[in-house]
Amino acid sequence: ALTWDDKISFVLTDNLTIKRIKPLDILDEGREKGLAEDERLDADFALMTAELAVLIDDVTFALGGEMVATA
């Protein structure tokens, strides 16, 4: 189990699968109050998508980067 940037906790398995992704306080911090349910869902999805993109980049870098195919 790991926590990334105090924003997301997750489990990184032996085969490098990311599981049990749980946002910490980013969903409450990053959205306006008083949104309708569908607007809140859209805002949460946008926030998590952006954060997960950075998380994946950071985990990839920490594990040595992507493999480069040689021709």
Protein backbone atom coordinates (compact mmCIF):
# COMPACT_ATOMS: atom_id res chain seq x y z
CA ALA A 1 0.00 0.00 0.00
CA LEU A 2 1.28 3.44 -0.97
CA THR A 3 0.19 7.04 -0.74
CA TRP A 4 1.10 9.42 -3.54
CA ASP A 5 1.52 13.16 -2.94
CA ASP A 6 -0.93 13.03 0.01
CA LYS A 7 -3.69 12.84 -2.62
CA ILE A 8 -4.23 9.20 -3.57
CA SER A 9 -3.69 5.91 -1.78
CA PHE A 10 -3.35 2.71 -3.77
CA VAL A 11 -1.87 -0.78 -3.77
CA LEU A 12 0.94 -1.65 -6.18
CA THR A 13 0.97 -5.43 -6.68
CA ASP A 14 3.92 -7.72 -7.41
CA ASN A 15 3.13 -7.60 -11.13
CA LEU A 16 2.97 -3.75 -11.00
CA THR A 17 -0.80 -3.51 -11.19
CA ILE A 18 -2.31 -0.49 -9.46
CA LYS A 19 -5.34 -1.50 -7.39
CA ARG A 20 -7.61 -0.12 -4.66
CA ILE A 21 -7.26 3.48 -5.79
CA LYS A 22 -8.72 5.82 -3.20
CA PRO A 23 -8.70 9.61 -3.40
CA LEU A 24 -7.79 11.28 -0.14
CA ASP A 25 -8.99 14.87 0.20
CA ILE A 26 -8.55 16.03 -3.41
CA LEU A 27 -12.19 15.62 -4.36
CA ASP A 28 -13.37 17.84 -1.53
CA GLU A 29 -10.65 20.45 -2.05
CA GLY A 30 -10.86 20.75 -5.81
CA ARG A 31 -14.52 21.38 -6.47
CA GLU A 32 -16.98 24.16 -5.86
CA LYS A 33 -19.56 23.74 -3.15
CA GLY A 34 -23.24 23.52 -4.05
CA LEU A 35 -22.89 21.58 -7.29
CA ALA A 36 -25.71 19.34 -8.49
CA GLU A 37 -25.07 15.58 -8.30
CA ASP A 38 -24.30 15.22 -12.03
CA GLU A 39 -22.02 18.27 -11.96
CA ARG A 40 -20.20 16.88 -8.91
CA LEU A 41 -19.71 13.55 -10.68
CA ASP A 42 -18.28 15.34 -13.73
CA ALA A 43 -15.97 17.46 -11.55
CA ASP A 44 -14.80 14.42 -9.56
CA PHE A 45 -14.10 12.49 -12.75
CA ALA A 46 -12.10 15.38 -14.23
CA LEU A 47 -10.05 15.82 -11.05
CA MET A 48 -9.30 12.13 -10.66
CA THR A 49 -8.39 11.71 -14.32
CA ALA A 50 -5.87 14.55 -14.09
CA GLU A 51 -4.39 13.26 -10.83
CA LEU A 52 -4.19 9.65 -12.05
CA ALA A 53 -2.30 10.76 -15.17
CA VAL A 54 0.39 12.35 -12.99
CA LEU A 55 0.38 9.38 -10.59
CA ILE A 56 1.02 6.95 -13.46
CA ASP A 57 3.85 9.12 -14.80
CA ASP A 58 5.45 9.31 -11.33
CA VAL A 59 5.14 5.57 -10.68
CA THR A 60 6.57 4.81 -14.13
CA PHE A 61 9.52 7.13 -13.47
CA ALA A 62 10.11 5.68 -9.98
CA LEU A 63 10.24 2.18 -11.44
CA GLY A 64 12.86 3.09 -14.05
CA GLY A 65 10.78 4.51 -16.88
CA GLU A 66 9.29 2.91 -19.94
CA MET A 67 11.12 0.33 -21.96
CA VAL A 68 12.30 1.64 -25.30
CA ALA A 69 11.94 -0.76 -28.21
CA THR A 70 15.04 -1.09 -30.37
CA ALA A 71 14.83 -1.88 -34.04
